[in-house]
N, C-alpha and C. Protein backbone atom coordinates (compact mmCIF):
# COMPACT_ATOMS: atom_id res chain seq x y z
N MET A 1 -10.15 -4.65 -13.25
CA MET A 1 -8.89 -4.25 -12.33
C MET A 1 -9.08 -5.25 -11.26
N LYS A 2 -7.92 -6.24 -11.16
CA LYS A 2 -7.72 -7.60 -10.28
C LYS A 2 -6.69 -7.15 -9.27
N LYS A 3 -6.39 -7.14 -7.98
CA LYS A 3 -5.41 -7.53 -7.19
C LYS A 3 -5.08 -8.74 -6.83
N LEU A 4 -3.54 -8.56 -6.72
CA LEU A 4 -2.90 -10.47 -6.26
C LEU A 4 -1.64 -10.08 -5.33
N ILE A 5 -2.00 -9.96 -4.06
CA ILE A 5 -1.59 -9.81 -2.81
C ILE A 5 -0.51 -11.00 -3.01
N LEU A 6 0.86 -11.21 -2.64
CA LEU A 6 2.04 -11.87 -2.42
C LEU A 6 1.96 -12.02 -0.85
N VAL A 7 2.30 -12.99 -0.20
CA VAL A 7 2.89 -13.30 1.01
C VAL A 7 3.44 -14.23 1.51
N ARG A 8 4.92 -14.08 2.45
CA ARG A 8 5.72 -14.89 2.26
C ARG A 8 5.55 -15.33 3.72
N HIS A 9 5.43 -16.74 4.35
CA HIS A 9 5.58 -17.33 5.29
C HIS A 9 6.00 -16.35 6.60
N ALA A 10 5.44 -15.94 7.90
CA ALA A 10 6.32 -15.39 8.70
C ALA A 10 7.34 -16.66 9.56
N LYS A 11 8.34 -15.56 10.12
CA LYS A 11 9.35 -16.54 10.57
C LYS A 11 8.71 -17.87 11.17
N SER A 12 9.69 -18.62 10.52
CA SER A 12 9.67 -20.07 11.14
C SER A 12 10.66 -20.65 12.13
N ASP A 13 10.45 -21.93 12.70
CA ASP A 13 11.08 -22.43 13.53
C ASP A 13 11.34 -23.55 12.85
N TRP A 14 12.33 -24.56 13.19
CA TRP A 14 12.72 -25.48 12.62
C TRP A 14 13.43 -26.87 13.91
N PRO A 15 12.04 -27.08 14.64
CA PRO A 15 13.05 -28.19 15.51
C PRO A 15 13.42 -29.27 15.35
N GLU A 16 14.45 -30.11 15.98
CA GLU A 16 15.18 -31.41 15.72
C GLU A 16 13.77 -32.19 14.90
N GLU A 17 14.31 -32.82 14.18
CA GLU A 17 13.49 -33.94 13.53
C GLU A 17 11.84 -33.93 12.72
N THR A 18 12.00 -32.56 12.64
CA THR A 18 10.82 -31.72 11.98
C THR A 18 11.33 -31.86 10.75
N GLU A 19 10.16 -32.51 10.09
CA GLU A 19 10.38 -32.11 8.33
C GLU A 19 10.21 -30.98 7.84
N ASP A 20 10.89 -30.20 7.04
CA ASP A 20 10.66 -28.54 6.45
C ASP A 20 9.04 -28.53 6.26
N PHE A 21 8.27 -29.37 5.56
CA PHE A 21 6.73 -29.04 5.68
C PHE A 21 6.22 -29.01 7.05
N ASP A 22 6.83 -29.33 7.89
CA ASP A 22 6.01 -29.22 9.16
C ASP A 22 6.67 -28.09 9.92
N ARG A 23 7.24 -27.40 9.60
CA ARG A 23 7.78 -26.83 10.69
C ARG A 23 7.17 -25.21 11.14
N PRO A 24 7.37 -25.59 12.39
CA PRO A 24 6.14 -24.18 12.55
C PRO A 24 6.55 -23.00 12.57
N LEU A 25 5.70 -22.10 13.08
CA LEU A 25 6.51 -20.13 13.56
C LEU A 25 7.11 -20.28 14.92
N ALA A 26 7.98 -19.63 14.63
CA ALA A 26 8.52 -18.58 15.79
C ALA A 26 7.95 -18.45 16.66
N ASP A 27 8.08 -17.43 17.73
CA ASP A 27 7.31 -16.39 18.44
C ASP A 27 7.30 -15.27 17.69
N LYS A 28 8.78 -14.98 17.26
CA LYS A 28 8.85 -13.44 16.24
C LYS A 28 7.78 -13.54 15.10
N GLY A 29 7.51 -14.81 14.68
CA GLY A 29 6.52 -15.01 13.50
C GLY A 29 5.33 -15.33 13.35
N LEU A 30 5.25 -15.85 14.97
CA LEU A 30 3.52 -15.34 15.25
C LEU A 30 2.95 -13.61 15.64
N LYS A 31 4.11 -12.90 15.78
CA LYS A 31 3.98 -11.60 16.21
C LYS A 31 3.92 -10.52 15.26
N ASP A 32 4.41 -10.88 14.34
CA ASP A 32 4.87 -10.56 12.68
C ASP A 32 3.90 -10.55 11.95
N ALA A 33 3.15 -11.74 11.81
CA ALA A 33 2.24 -12.23 11.08
C ALA A 33 0.88 -11.30 11.98
N MET A 34 0.61 -11.09 13.01
CA MET A 34 -0.55 -10.40 13.54
C MET A 34 -0.31 -9.12 13.23
N ASN A 35 0.87 -8.27 13.68
CA ASN A 35 1.30 -6.95 13.38
C ASN A 35 0.82 -6.64 11.62
N MET A 36 1.27 -7.89 10.88
CA MET A 36 1.14 -6.58 9.35
C MET A 36 -0.25 -7.44 8.81
N SER A 37 -0.79 -8.02 9.66
CA SER A 37 -2.52 -8.53 9.44
C SER A 37 -2.99 -7.68 9.42
N ARG A 38 -2.90 -6.40 10.77
CA ARG A 38 -3.42 -5.62 11.43
C ARG A 38 -2.91 -4.47 10.62
N PHE A 39 -1.79 -4.49 10.31
CA PHE A 39 -1.35 -3.04 9.49
C PHE A 39 -2.01 -2.64 8.18
N MET A 40 -2.46 -4.25 7.25
CA MET A 40 -3.28 -4.09 6.48
C MET A 40 -4.79 -3.91 6.44
N LYS A 41 -4.91 -4.43 7.53
CA LYS A 41 -6.71 -3.91 7.63
C LYS A 41 -6.93 -2.55 8.05
N SER A 42 -5.88 -2.22 8.66
CA SER A 42 -6.14 -0.33 8.80
C SER A 42 -5.88 0.25 8.08
N ASN A 43 -5.11 -0.18 6.92
CA ASN A 43 -4.85 0.77 5.84
C ASN A 43 -5.75 0.48 4.32
N ASN A 44 -6.88 -0.08 4.94
CA ASN A 44 -8.29 -0.79 4.17
C ASN A 44 -7.50 -1.68 2.34
N ILE A 45 -6.40 -2.24 3.10
CA ILE A 45 -6.12 -3.27 2.02
C ILE A 45 -7.03 -3.86 1.95
N SER A 46 -8.30 -4.34 0.87
CA SER A 46 -9.49 -5.00 1.16
C SER A 46 -8.97 -6.60 0.22
N ILE A 47 -9.14 -7.71 0.58
CA ILE A 47 -9.05 -9.15 0.56
C ILE A 47 -10.18 -9.58 0.46
N ASP A 48 -10.31 -10.69 -1.02
CA ASP A 48 -11.65 -11.42 -0.91
C ASP A 48 -11.54 -12.87 -0.65
N HIS A 49 -10.40 -13.57 -0.59
CA HIS A 49 -10.31 -14.72 -0.63
C HIS A 49 -8.67 -15.06 -0.23
N PHE A 50 -8.18 -16.21 0.63
CA PHE A 50 -6.96 -16.20 0.51
C PHE A 50 -6.83 -17.65 0.32
N VAL A 51 -5.60 -18.23 -0.61
CA VAL A 51 -4.64 -19.10 -0.93
C VAL A 51 -3.89 -19.39 -0.10
N SER A 52 -3.72 -20.22 0.44
CA SER A 52 -2.27 -20.98 1.12
C SER A 52 -1.73 -22.42 0.27
N SER A 53 -0.44 -21.70 0.58
CA SER A 53 0.32 -23.63 1.04
C SER A 53 0.10 -24.11 1.96
N PRO A 54 -0.24 -25.88 1.94
CA PRO A 54 -0.47 -26.63 3.12
C PRO A 54 0.34 -26.51 3.89
N ALA A 55 1.99 -25.81 4.05
CA ALA A 55 3.08 -26.09 4.67
C ALA A 55 2.16 -25.81 6.03
N VAL A 56 2.50 -25.78 7.43
CA VAL A 56 2.31 -25.51 8.60
C VAL A 56 2.94 -23.79 8.70
N ARG A 57 4.01 -23.36 8.42
CA ARG A 57 4.16 -22.41 8.29
C ARG A 57 3.04 -21.47 7.94
N ALA A 58 3.55 -21.55 6.12
CA ALA A 58 2.71 -20.88 5.72
C ALA A 58 1.00 -20.72 5.89
N LEU A 59 0.58 -21.75 6.20
CA LEU A 59 -1.09 -22.03 6.57
C LEU A 59 -1.05 -21.41 7.93
N ASN A 60 -0.69 -21.22 8.69
CA ASN A 60 -0.47 -21.35 9.45
C ASN A 60 -0.51 -19.18 10.14
N THR A 61 0.61 -18.97 8.89
CA THR A 61 0.71 -17.09 8.62
C THR A 61 -1.21 -17.15 8.02
N CYS A 62 -1.40 -17.88 7.31
CA CYS A 62 -2.98 -17.54 6.34
C CYS A 62 -3.57 -17.13 8.30
N LYS A 63 -3.64 -18.46 8.65
CA LYS A 63 -4.54 -18.31 9.42
C LYS A 63 -4.82 -17.40 10.72
N ILE A 64 -3.38 -16.56 10.69
CA ILE A 64 -3.28 -15.39 11.56
C ILE A 64 -4.20 -14.17 10.93
N PHE A 65 -3.45 -14.37 9.65
CA PHE A 65 -4.52 -13.22 8.61
C PHE A 65 -5.59 -12.96 9.04
N ASN A 66 -6.33 -14.54 8.68
CA ASN A 66 -7.45 -14.85 8.71
C ASN A 66 -8.01 -14.48 9.93
N GLN A 67 -7.40 -14.31 10.98
CA GLN A 67 -8.20 -13.92 12.23
C GLN A 67 -8.62 -12.12 12.07
N THR A 68 -7.94 -11.27 11.48
CA THR A 68 -8.31 -10.06 10.99
C THR A 68 -9.24 -9.93 10.57
N TYR A 69 -9.08 -10.62 9.14
CA TYR A 69 -10.33 -10.57 7.82
C TYR A 69 -11.19 -10.96 7.99
N GLN A 70 -11.02 -12.54 8.73
CA GLN A 70 -12.30 -13.49 8.80
C GLN A 70 -12.73 -13.92 7.13
N LEU A 71 -11.82 -14.48 6.32
CA LEU A 71 -12.48 -14.64 5.30
C LEU A 71 -12.31 -16.37 4.73
N ASN A 72 -13.47 -16.84 3.52
CA ASN A 72 -12.79 -17.97 3.36
C ASN A 72 -11.25 -18.68 3.05
N PHE A 73 -11.08 -19.50 3.09
CA PHE A 73 -9.59 -19.77 2.75
C PHE A 73 -9.84 -21.12 1.89
N THR A 74 -8.53 -21.09 1.00
CA THR A 74 -8.03 -22.60 0.33
C THR A 74 -6.59 -22.94 0.56
N THR A 75 -6.56 -23.97 0.54
CA THR A 75 -5.10 -24.51 0.20
C THR A 75 -5.04 -24.98 -1.15
N GLU A 76 -3.35 -25.14 -1.39
CA GLU A 76 -2.87 -25.76 -2.95
C GLU A 76 -1.83 -25.84 -2.80
N ASP A 77 -1.92 -27.37 -3.32
CA ASP A 77 -0.23 -28.14 -3.04
C ASP A 77 0.81 -27.29 -3.89
N GLN A 78 0.61 -26.53 -5.03
CA GLN A 78 1.30 -25.66 -6.11
C GLN A 78 1.97 -24.95 -5.31
N LEU A 79 1.24 -24.23 -4.18
CA LEU A 79 2.32 -23.28 -3.75
C LEU A 79 3.24 -23.14 -2.34
N TYR A 80 3.42 -24.75 -2.34
CA TYR A 80 4.82 -25.12 -1.09
C TYR A 80 5.63 -25.49 -2.36
N ASN A 81 6.90 -24.95 -2.25
CA ASN A 81 8.00 -25.24 -3.11
C ASN A 81 7.80 -24.75 -4.49
N PRO A 82 7.26 -23.34 -4.62
CA PRO A 82 7.08 -23.34 -5.85
C PRO A 82 7.46 -22.59 -7.02
N SER A 83 7.72 -22.55 -8.41
CA SER A 83 7.97 -22.29 -9.33
C SER A 83 6.97 -20.99 -9.94
N GLU A 84 7.34 -20.17 -10.62
CA GLU A 84 6.97 -19.54 -11.66
C GLU A 84 5.55 -19.66 -11.66
N ARG A 85 5.71 -20.61 -12.19
CA ARG A 85 4.64 -21.60 -13.39
C ARG A 85 3.06 -22.00 -12.31
N ASN A 86 4.05 -22.34 -11.32
CA ASN A 86 3.13 -23.10 -9.83
C ASN A 86 1.95 -21.47 -9.94
N PHE A 87 2.14 -20.09 -9.64
CA PHE A 87 1.82 -19.08 -9.08
C PHE A 87 0.25 -19.16 -10.17
N GLU A 88 0.95 -19.37 -11.55
CA GLU A 88 0.11 -18.77 -12.59
C GLU A 88 -0.64 -19.68 -13.32
N SER A 89 -0.63 -21.33 -12.45
CA SER A 89 -1.47 -22.60 -12.73
C SER A 89 -2.82 -21.95 -11.29
N VAL A 90 -2.22 -21.17 -10.27
CA VAL A 90 -3.04 -21.00 -9.02
C VAL A 90 -3.84 -19.78 -9.70
N ILE A 91 -3.48 -18.94 -10.32
CA ILE A 91 -4.26 -17.92 -10.75
C ILE A 91 -5.45 -17.99 -11.49
N TYR A 92 -4.83 -19.31 -12.53
CA TYR A 92 -5.95 -19.49 -13.74
C TYR A 92 -7.07 -19.98 -13.68
N ASP A 93 -6.48 -20.74 -12.31
CA ASP A 93 -7.84 -21.49 -11.46
C ASP A 93 -8.55 -20.54 -10.71
N LEU A 94 -8.89 -19.09 -10.17
CA LEU A 94 -9.24 -18.48 -9.51
C LEU A 94 -10.81 -18.30 -9.96
N ASN A 95 -11.70 -17.93 -9.14
CA ASN A 95 -12.93 -17.87 -9.79
C ASN A 95 -13.43 -16.21 -10.14
N ASP A 96 -13.87 -15.53 -11.08
CA ASP A 96 -13.49 -14.52 -11.22
C ASP A 96 -14.26 -13.60 -10.50
N SER A 97 -15.45 -13.80 -9.19
CA SER A 97 -15.93 -13.25 -8.60
C SER A 97 -15.06 -12.70 -7.46
N VAL A 98 -13.91 -13.51 -7.52
CA VAL A 98 -12.52 -13.06 -6.68
C VAL A 98 -11.96 -11.96 -7.41
N ASN A 99 -11.88 -10.63 -6.71
CA ASN A 99 -11.56 -9.08 -7.08
C ASN A 99 -10.45 -9.20 -6.68
N SER A 100 -9.69 -9.49 -5.70
CA SER A 100 -9.05 -9.45 -4.49
C SER A 100 -8.02 -10.40 -3.42
N VAL A 101 -6.74 -11.11 -3.99
CA VAL A 101 -6.88 -12.33 -3.71
C VAL A 101 -5.10 -12.16 -2.94
N ALA A 102 -4.97 -13.41 -1.76
CA ALA A 102 -3.91 -13.28 -1.13
C ALA A 102 -3.19 -14.18 -1.32
N PHE A 103 -2.04 -14.56 -1.90
CA PHE A 103 -1.39 -16.04 -1.91
C PHE A 103 -0.30 -15.82 -0.57
N PHE A 104 -0.53 -16.96 0.12
CA PHE A 104 0.24 -17.16 1.38
C PHE A 104 1.54 -18.72 0.56
N SER A 105 2.83 -18.19 0.62
CA SER A 105 3.98 -18.98 0.06
C SER A 105 5.22 -19.16 0.36
N HIS A 106 6.18 -19.42 -0.43
CA HIS A 106 7.48 -19.64 0.50
C HIS A 106 8.75 -19.18 -1.10
N ASN A 107 9.64 -18.77 -0.09
CA ASN A 107 10.97 -18.48 -1.15
C ASN A 107 11.70 -19.65 -1.40
N ASN A 108 12.20 -19.57 -2.70
CA ASN A 108 12.43 -18.33 -3.56
C ASN A 108 11.51 -17.73 -4.45
N GLY A 109 10.61 -18.91 -4.61
CA GLY A 109 9.41 -19.44 -5.64
C GLY A 109 8.79 -17.81 -5.81
N ILE A 110 8.09 -17.28 -4.20
CA ILE A 110 7.67 -16.22 -4.36
C ILE A 110 8.38 -14.62 -4.72
N SER A 111 9.83 -14.81 -3.88
CA SER A 111 10.24 -13.55 -4.73
C SER A 111 10.54 -13.71 -6.27
N ASN A 112 10.67 -14.84 -6.91
CA ASN A 112 11.12 -15.06 -8.37
C ASN A 112 9.81 -14.39 -8.53
N PHE A 113 8.37 -14.85 -8.57
CA PHE A 113 7.40 -14.77 -9.30
C PHE A 113 7.02 -13.28 -9.00
N ALA A 114 7.12 -12.44 -7.65
CA ALA A 114 6.96 -11.49 -7.95
C ALA A 114 7.73 -10.85 -8.95
N ASN A 115 9.41 -11.07 -8.98
CA ASN A 115 10.45 -10.49 -9.64
C ASN A 115 10.43 -10.50 -11.08
N SER A 116 8.94 -11.79 -11.26
CA SER A 116 8.97 -12.20 -13.45
C SER A 116 7.66 -11.10 -13.05
N ILE A 117 7.10 -10.54 -12.73
CA ILE A 117 6.17 -9.94 -13.27
C ILE A 117 6.01 -8.14 -12.42
N SER A 118 6.83 -7.72 -12.17
CA SER A 118 7.09 -6.60 -11.87
C SER A 118 8.46 -6.02 -12.26
N GLU A 119 8.71 -4.88 -12.53
CA GLU A 119 10.08 -4.33 -12.37
C GLU A 119 10.80 -3.52 -11.62
N ASP A 120 10.29 -4.12 -10.55
CA ASP A 120 10.81 -3.61 -9.35
C ASP A 120 11.54 -5.02 -8.67
N ILE A 121 12.72 -4.94 -8.48
CA ILE A 121 13.12 -6.10 -8.04
C ILE A 121 13.34 -6.12 -6.60
N PHE A 122 13.09 -7.12 -6.03
CA PHE A 122 13.17 -7.29 -4.41
C PHE A 122 12.88 -8.35 -3.92
N HIS A 123 13.73 -8.78 -2.52
CA HIS A 123 13.54 -10.05 -1.98
C HIS A 123 12.44 -10.29 -0.83
N PHE A 124 11.62 -11.11 -0.67
CA PHE A 124 10.55 -10.64 0.39
C PHE A 124 11.24 -11.52 1.53
N PRO A 125 11.61 -10.68 2.08
CA PRO A 125 11.82 -11.25 4.04
C PRO A 125 10.43 -11.49 4.91
N THR A 126 10.46 -12.53 5.85
CA THR A 126 9.54 -13.27 6.23
C THR A 126 8.80 -12.67 6.72
N CYS A 127 7.50 -12.85 6.10
CA CYS A 127 5.97 -11.83 6.47
C CYS A 127 6.13 -11.01 5.42
N GLY A 128 7.20 -11.13 4.57
CA GLY A 128 6.73 -9.40 3.59
C GLY A 128 5.74 -10.09 2.44
N VAL A 129 4.96 -8.55 2.35
CA VAL A 129 3.58 -8.87 1.37
C VAL A 129 3.88 -8.05 0.19
N ALA A 130 3.59 -8.04 -0.90
CA ALA A 130 3.75 -7.30 -1.53
C ALA A 130 1.93 -7.16 -2.74
N GLY A 131 1.72 -5.73 -2.77
CA GLY A 131 0.12 -6.02 -3.63
C GLY A 131 0.86 -5.69 -5.27
N PHE A 132 -0.12 -6.35 -6.24
CA PHE A 132 0.38 -6.15 -7.48
C PHE A 132 -1.57 -5.92 -7.77
N GLU A 133 -1.68 -4.66 -8.57
CA GLU A 133 -2.74 -4.71 -9.42
C GLU A 133 -2.82 -4.61 -10.64
N ILE A 134 -3.99 -5.43 -11.32
CA ILE A 134 -4.07 -6.35 -12.70
C ILE A 134 -4.69 -5.69 -13.19
N ASP A 135 -4.18 -5.45 -14.61
CA ASP A 135 -5.50 -4.94 -15.49
C ASP A 135 -6.13 -5.67 -16.36
N CYS A 136 -7.05 -6.45 -15.61
CA CYS A 136 -7.64 -7.88 -16.20
C CYS A 136 -8.95 -7.52 -15.55
N ASN A 137 -10.28 -8.07 -16.39
CA ASN A 137 -11.25 -8.35 -15.91
C ASN A 137 -11.63 -10.17 -15.36
N SER A 138 -10.67 -10.74 -15.90
CA SER A 138 -11.02 -12.26 -15.91
C SER A 138 -9.19 -12.52 -15.34
N TRP A 139 -9.41 -13.79 -14.26
CA TRP A 139 -7.98 -14.18 -13.82
C TRP A 139 -7.33 -14.64 -14.96
N SER A 140 -7.69 -15.22 -15.98
CA SER A 140 -7.86 -16.00 -17.45
C SER A 140 -6.96 -14.99 -18.42
N GLU A 141 -7.13 -13.60 -18.23
CA GLU A 141 -6.22 -12.38 -18.93
C GLU A 141 -4.83 -11.98 -18.23
N PHE A 142 -4.39 -13.04 -17.11
CA PHE A 142 -3.36 -12.57 -16.41
C PHE A 142 -1.95 -12.51 -16.98
N ASP A 143 -1.83 -13.24 -17.92
CA ASP A 143 -0.56 -13.37 -18.58
C ASP A 143 -0.43 -11.92 -18.92
N GLY A 144 -1.42 -11.38 -20.00
CA GLY A 144 -1.14 -10.54 -21.14
C GLY A 144 -1.18 -9.18 -20.58
N ALA A 145 -1.82 -9.31 -19.49
CA ALA A 145 -2.44 -8.32 -18.79
C ALA A 145 -1.34 -7.17 -17.74
N ARG A 146 -1.61 -5.88 -18.27
CA ARG A 146 -0.07 -4.99 -17.28
C ARG A 146 -0.67 -5.21 -15.94
N LYS A 147 0.66 -5.38 -15.47
CA LYS A 147 1.13 -5.40 -13.36
C LYS A 147 1.70 -4.32 -13.08
N LYS A 148 0.76 -3.60 -12.01
CA LYS A 148 1.43 -3.01 -11.19
C LYS A 148 1.75 -3.16 -9.62
N LEU A 149 2.86 -3.06 -9.00
CA LEU A 149 3.31 -2.72 -7.69
C LEU A 149 2.30 -1.78 -7.23
N LEU A 150 1.80 -2.16 -6.04
CA LEU A 150 1.04 -1.32 -5.79
C LEU A 150 1.72 -0.95 -4.21
N PHE A 151 2.02 -1.80 -3.36
CA PHE A 151 2.63 -1.68 -2.60
C PHE A 151 3.68 -2.98 -2.06
N PHE A 152 4.67 -2.63 -1.09
CA PHE A 152 5.23 -3.46 -0.80
C PHE A 152 5.78 -3.02 1.16
N TYR A 153 5.22 -4.39 1.58
CA TYR A 153 5.62 -4.02 3.08
C TYR A 153 6.38 -4.96 3.82
N GLU A 154 7.09 -4.87 4.73
CA GLU A 154 7.81 -5.66 5.69
C GLU A 154 7.47 -5.04 7.05
N PRO A 155 7.92 -6.21 7.03
CA PRO A 155 7.29 -6.52 9.17
C PRO A 155 8.07 -5.70 10.16
N GLY A 156 9.51 -5.66 9.65
CA GLY A 156 10.77 -4.41 10.51
C GLY A 156 10.22 -2.87 10.09
N LYS A 157 9.51 -2.88 9.03
CA LYS A 157 9.00 -0.95 9.02
C LYS A 157 7.97 -0.69 8.43
N ILE A 158 7.38 -1.47 9.45
CA ILE A 158 5.43 -1.11 9.35
C ILE A 158 5.50 -0.21 10.71
């Protein structure tokens, strides 16, 4: 059994003359990311590894979660402006020693991907988190594996 956790970056700001890639987190985003990471940890949601989009707002969300979890993390260009296929590509590159992974990424890609692997229809708010159980022993079996939504958390509802 593997576990895939999808995290949309926290609320970002868009200062004048800032490129999309370089957008920082807003104060609300900083607070939501800290609250969500602590909520997940206190509810015993185990994570072995983080993979983040390299965009500032996603990477900073990942770093805030990492203050709580203290894991190794990597960045993956394919998680910035992602399609469903981008997520699958990153999944297939995961080492099988990783049993539970969290991806930090962006809408609309993260919502589209979640809806493509789940019968539950939802739209990720900023700092929304969805966890899926993947019925496989190797990430290479992801496509054909049974997938089950375990949880969906929103910052305003925890």
